[in-house]
Amino acid sequence: MHRSSARSSSIHHPPAEAEESRSVKAPANTAAVILTLSLAAWFYFYVASVPLSGAQTTVVVAIITVVVIGGRWLWSMMYGSGKGHRW
């Protein structure tokens, strides 16, 4: 009987671990979206025969980063978990 209780406790994650997993997943997802949109923008300019320089690429990535993080913030304010202002 002791074995089954030890086995079942190892299967279920405590709430703290689940919350930590979510907090790590969100930045990784945000970074993936920023990287994907940045590469898409760079590819668009490259195909249009207007390749971006290093400084221009930095500006494009910065703008995309602000838009994505701002969008996440706005989404959390509108549809968040009861925190903040709901519109």
N, C-alpha and C. Protein backbone atom coordinates (compact mmCIF):
# COMPACT_ATOMS: atom_id res chain seq x y z
N MET A 1 0.82 -1.18 0.00
CA MET A 1 0.00 0.00 0.00
C MET A 1 0.87 1.25 0.00
N HIS A 2 1.97 1.18 0.67
CA HIS A 2 2.87 2.34 0.72
C HIS A 2 3.42 2.65 -0.66
N ARG A 3 3.69 1.60 -1.45
CA ARG A 3 4.23 1.82 -2.79
C ARG A 3 3.24 2.56 -3.69
N SER A 4 1.99 2.19 -3.65
CA SER A 4 1.01 2.83 -4.53
C SER A 4 0.82 4.30 -4.18
N SER A 5 0.86 4.64 -2.90
CA SER A 5 0.72 6.05 -2.53
C SER A 5 1.93 6.84 -2.96
N ALA A 6 3.12 6.24 -2.89
CA ALA A 6 4.33 6.94 -3.33
C ALA A 6 4.30 7.12 -4.84
N ARG A 7 3.81 6.11 -5.54
CA ARG A 7 3.75 6.18 -6.99
C ARG A 7 2.73 7.24 -7.43
N SER A 8 1.58 7.28 -6.79
CA SER A 8 0.57 8.24 -7.19
C SER A 8 0.99 9.67 -6.87
N SER A 9 1.77 9.87 -5.80
CA SER A 9 2.21 11.23 -5.49
C SER A 9 3.26 11.71 -6.48
N SER A 10 4.01 10.78 -7.07
CA SER A 10 5.01 11.20 -8.06
C SER A 10 4.36 11.55 -9.39
N ILE A 11 3.15 11.03 -9.63
CA ILE A 11 2.46 11.32 -10.88
C ILE A 11 1.87 12.72 -10.85
N HIS A 12 1.29 13.11 -9.74
CA HIS A 12 0.63 14.41 -9.62
C HIS A 12 1.65 15.47 -9.24
N HIS A 13 1.62 16.57 -9.97
CA HIS A 13 2.53 17.67 -9.69
C HIS A 13 1.90 18.61 -8.69
N PRO A 14 2.65 19.07 -7.72
CA PRO A 14 2.09 20.06 -6.80
C PRO A 14 1.77 21.35 -7.56
N PRO A 15 0.83 22.15 -7.06
CA PRO A 15 0.45 23.38 -7.75
C PRO A 15 1.62 24.32 -8.01
N ALA A 16 2.59 24.37 -7.11
CA ALA A 16 3.74 25.26 -7.30
C ALA A 16 4.53 24.88 -8.55
N GLU A 17 4.70 23.58 -8.78
CA GLU A 17 5.44 23.15 -9.97
C GLU A 17 4.66 23.45 -11.24
N ALA A 18 3.35 23.28 -11.20
CA ALA A 18 2.53 23.57 -12.38
C ALA A 18 2.57 25.05 -12.70
N GLU A 19 2.52 25.90 -11.68
CA GLU A 19 2.57 27.35 -11.92
C GLU A 19 3.94 27.75 -12.46
N GLU A 20 5.00 27.14 -11.94
CA GLU A 20 6.34 27.44 -12.43
C GLU A 20 6.48 27.02 -13.89
N SER A 21 5.89 25.89 -14.25
CA SER A 21 5.94 25.42 -15.62
C SER A 21 5.24 26.41 -16.55
N ARG A 22 4.09 26.94 -16.11
CA ARG A 22 3.37 27.92 -16.91
C ARG A 22 4.18 29.20 -17.06
N SER A 23 4.85 29.62 -15.99
CA SER A 23 5.60 30.87 -16.05
C SER A 23 6.81 30.74 -16.97
N VAL A 24 7.33 29.56 -17.14
CA VAL A 24 8.45 29.34 -18.06
C VAL A 24 7.93 29.20 -19.49
N LYS A 25 6.76 28.59 -19.64
CA LYS A 25 6.20 28.36 -20.97
C LYS A 25 5.81 29.67 -21.65
N ALA A 26 5.27 30.63 -20.90
CA ALA A 26 4.80 31.89 -21.50
C ALA A 26 5.94 32.66 -22.17
N PRO A 27 7.08 32.89 -21.50
CA PRO A 27 8.17 33.59 -22.19
C PRO A 27 8.72 32.82 -23.39
N ALA A 28 8.73 31.50 -23.31
CA ALA A 28 9.22 30.71 -24.44
C ALA A 28 8.27 30.85 -25.63
N ASN A 29 6.97 30.84 -25.36
CA ASN A 29 6.01 31.03 -26.44
C ASN A 29 6.11 32.43 -27.04
N THR A 30 6.28 33.42 -26.18
CA THR A 30 6.43 34.79 -26.66
C THR A 30 7.67 34.94 -27.52
N ALA A 31 8.75 34.36 -27.08
CA ALA A 31 10.00 34.42 -27.86
C ALA A 31 9.83 33.73 -29.21
N ALA A 32 9.11 32.62 -29.22
CA ALA A 32 8.88 31.90 -30.48
C ALA A 32 8.05 32.74 -31.45
N VAL A 33 7.04 33.42 -30.93
CA VAL A 33 6.20 34.28 -31.78
C VAL A 33 7.03 35.44 -32.32
N ILE A 34 7.83 36.07 -31.46
CA ILE A 34 8.66 37.19 -31.89
C ILE A 34 9.66 36.73 -32.96
N LEU A 35 10.29 35.60 -32.74
CA LEU A 35 11.26 35.08 -33.72
C LEU A 35 10.58 34.77 -35.05
N THR A 36 9.42 34.13 -35.00
CA THR A 36 8.70 33.78 -36.23
C THR A 36 8.29 35.02 -37.01
N LEU A 37 7.70 36.00 -36.31
CA LEU A 37 7.29 37.23 -37.00
C LEU A 37 8.48 38.01 -37.53
N SER A 38 9.57 38.02 -36.79
CA SER A 38 10.78 38.73 -37.24
C SER A 38 11.35 38.09 -38.50
N LEU A 39 11.41 36.76 -38.50
CA LEU A 39 11.91 36.07 -39.70
C LEU A 39 10.98 36.28 -40.88
N ALA A 40 9.68 36.28 -40.63
CA ALA A 40 8.72 36.53 -41.71
C ALA A 40 8.89 37.94 -42.29
N ALA A 41 9.08 38.93 -41.42
CA ALA A 41 9.29 40.31 -41.88
C ALA A 41 10.61 40.41 -42.67
N TRP A 42 11.66 39.78 -42.15
CA TRP A 42 12.94 39.83 -42.83
C TRP A 42 12.82 39.16 -44.21
N PHE A 43 12.16 38.02 -44.26
CA PHE A 43 11.97 37.31 -45.53
C PHE A 43 11.16 38.15 -46.52
N TYR A 44 10.13 38.83 -46.03
CA TYR A 44 9.31 39.69 -46.88
C TYR A 44 10.17 40.78 -47.53
N PHE A 45 10.98 41.46 -46.73
CA PHE A 45 11.83 42.51 -47.29
C PHE A 45 12.90 41.93 -48.22
N TYR A 46 13.40 40.75 -47.90
CA TYR A 46 14.41 40.12 -48.74
C TYR A 46 13.82 39.77 -50.10
N VAL A 47 12.62 39.20 -50.13
CA VAL A 47 11.97 38.82 -51.39
C VAL A 47 11.60 40.07 -52.19
N ALA A 48 11.28 41.15 -51.50
CA ALA A 48 10.93 42.40 -52.18
C ALA A 48 12.18 43.14 -52.67
N SER A 49 13.33 42.50 -52.63
CA SER A 49 14.62 43.07 -53.07
C SER A 49 15.01 44.31 -52.28
N VAL A 50 14.64 44.35 -50.99
CA VAL A 50 15.04 45.42 -50.09
C VAL A 50 15.59 44.77 -48.82
N PRO A 51 16.74 44.08 -48.94
CA PRO A 51 17.27 43.39 -47.76
C PRO A 51 17.58 44.38 -46.63
N LEU A 52 17.29 43.98 -45.42
CA LEU A 52 17.50 44.84 -44.26
C LEU A 52 18.95 44.76 -43.78
N SER A 53 19.46 45.90 -43.37
CA SER A 53 20.79 45.93 -42.76
C SER A 53 20.65 45.48 -41.30
N GLY A 54 21.75 45.39 -40.61
CA GLY A 54 21.72 44.99 -39.20
C GLY A 54 20.91 45.95 -38.34
N ALA A 55 21.11 47.25 -38.56
CA ALA A 55 20.38 48.25 -37.78
C ALA A 55 18.88 48.22 -38.09
N GLN A 56 18.55 48.04 -39.36
CA GLN A 56 17.14 47.97 -39.73
C GLN A 56 16.48 46.72 -39.17
N THR A 57 17.19 45.62 -39.17
CA THR A 57 16.66 44.38 -38.59
C THR A 57 16.41 44.57 -37.10
N THR A 58 17.31 45.25 -36.41
CA THR A 58 17.13 45.51 -34.99
C THR A 58 15.87 46.32 -34.73
N VAL A 59 15.64 47.33 -35.57
CA VAL A 59 14.44 48.16 -35.41
C VAL A 59 13.18 47.32 -35.66
N VAL A 60 13.19 46.50 -36.69
CA VAL A 60 12.03 45.65 -37.00
C VAL A 60 11.76 44.69 -35.84
N VAL A 61 12.79 44.06 -35.31
CA VAL A 61 12.62 43.13 -34.20
C VAL A 61 12.11 43.87 -32.96
N ALA A 62 12.61 45.06 -32.71
CA ALA A 62 12.14 45.85 -31.56
C ALA A 62 10.67 46.21 -31.70
N ILE A 63 10.26 46.61 -32.88
CA ILE A 63 8.85 46.95 -33.11
C ILE A 63 7.96 45.72 -32.92
N ILE A 64 8.38 44.60 -33.47
CA ILE A 64 7.60 43.37 -33.33
C ILE A 64 7.54 42.95 -31.86
N THR A 65 8.63 43.10 -31.14
CA THR A 65 8.65 42.76 -29.72
C THR A 65 7.67 43.61 -28.94
N VAL A 66 7.65 44.91 -29.20
CA VAL A 66 6.72 45.81 -28.51
C VAL A 66 5.28 45.43 -28.83
N VAL A 67 5.01 45.12 -30.09
CA VAL A 67 3.65 44.76 -30.50
C VAL A 67 3.21 43.45 -29.84
N VAL A 68 4.08 42.45 -29.81
CA VAL A 68 3.71 41.15 -29.23
C VAL A 68 3.52 41.27 -27.72
N ILE A 69 4.45 41.92 -27.03
CA ILE A 69 4.33 42.05 -25.58
C ILE A 69 3.14 42.94 -25.23
N GLY A 70 2.92 44.00 -26.00
CA GLY A 70 1.75 44.84 -25.78
C GLY A 70 0.46 44.08 -26.03
N GLY A 71 0.45 43.24 -27.04
CA GLY A 71 -0.72 42.41 -27.31
C GLY A 71 -0.99 41.41 -26.20
N ARG A 72 0.07 40.81 -25.67
CA ARG A 72 -0.10 39.89 -24.54
C ARG A 72 -0.65 40.63 -23.32
N TRP A 73 -0.12 41.82 -23.06
CA TRP A 73 -0.59 42.60 -21.91
C TRP A 73 -2.06 42.97 -22.09
N LEU A 74 -2.41 43.44 -23.28
CA LEU A 74 -3.80 43.81 -23.55
C LEU A 74 -4.72 42.60 -23.42
N TRP A 75 -4.29 41.46 -23.95
CA TRP A 75 -5.08 40.24 -23.86
C TRP A 75 -5.29 39.84 -22.39
N SER A 76 -4.23 39.93 -21.59
CA SER A 76 -4.36 39.56 -20.18
C SER A 76 -5.26 40.54 -19.44
N MET A 77 -5.26 41.80 -19.83
CA MET A 77 -6.14 42.78 -19.20
C MET A 77 -7.60 42.51 -19.56
N MET A 78 -7.85 42.11 -20.78
CA MET A 78 -9.22 41.89 -21.24
C MET A 78 -9.76 40.52 -20.82
N TYR A 79 -8.92 39.49 -20.93
CA TYR A 79 -9.38 38.13 -20.71
C TYR A 79 -8.60 37.42 -19.61
N GLY A 80 -7.96 38.17 -18.73
CA GLY A 80 -7.11 37.60 -17.69
C GLY A 80 -7.87 36.80 -16.66
N SER A 81 -7.17 36.38 -15.66
CA SER A 81 -7.73 35.49 -14.64
C SER A 81 -8.38 36.28 -13.50
N GLY A 82 -9.17 37.27 -13.84
CA GLY A 82 -9.87 38.03 -12.81
C GLY A 82 -9.06 39.18 -12.25
N LYS A 83 -7.81 39.28 -12.61
CA LYS A 83 -6.97 40.38 -12.16
C LYS A 83 -7.06 41.49 -13.19
N GLY A 84 -6.97 42.69 -12.74
CA GLY A 84 -6.96 43.83 -13.67
C GLY A 84 -8.37 44.23 -14.09
N HIS A 85 -8.42 45.08 -15.06
CA HIS A 85 -9.67 45.65 -15.52
C HIS A 85 -10.23 44.84 -16.68
N ARG A 86 -11.50 44.46 -16.56
CA ARG A 86 -12.15 43.73 -17.67
C ARG A 86 -12.97 44.71 -18.48
N TRP A 87 -12.86 44.66 -19.79
CA TRP A 87 -13.60 45.57 -20.65
C TRP A 87 -14.83 44.92 -21.16
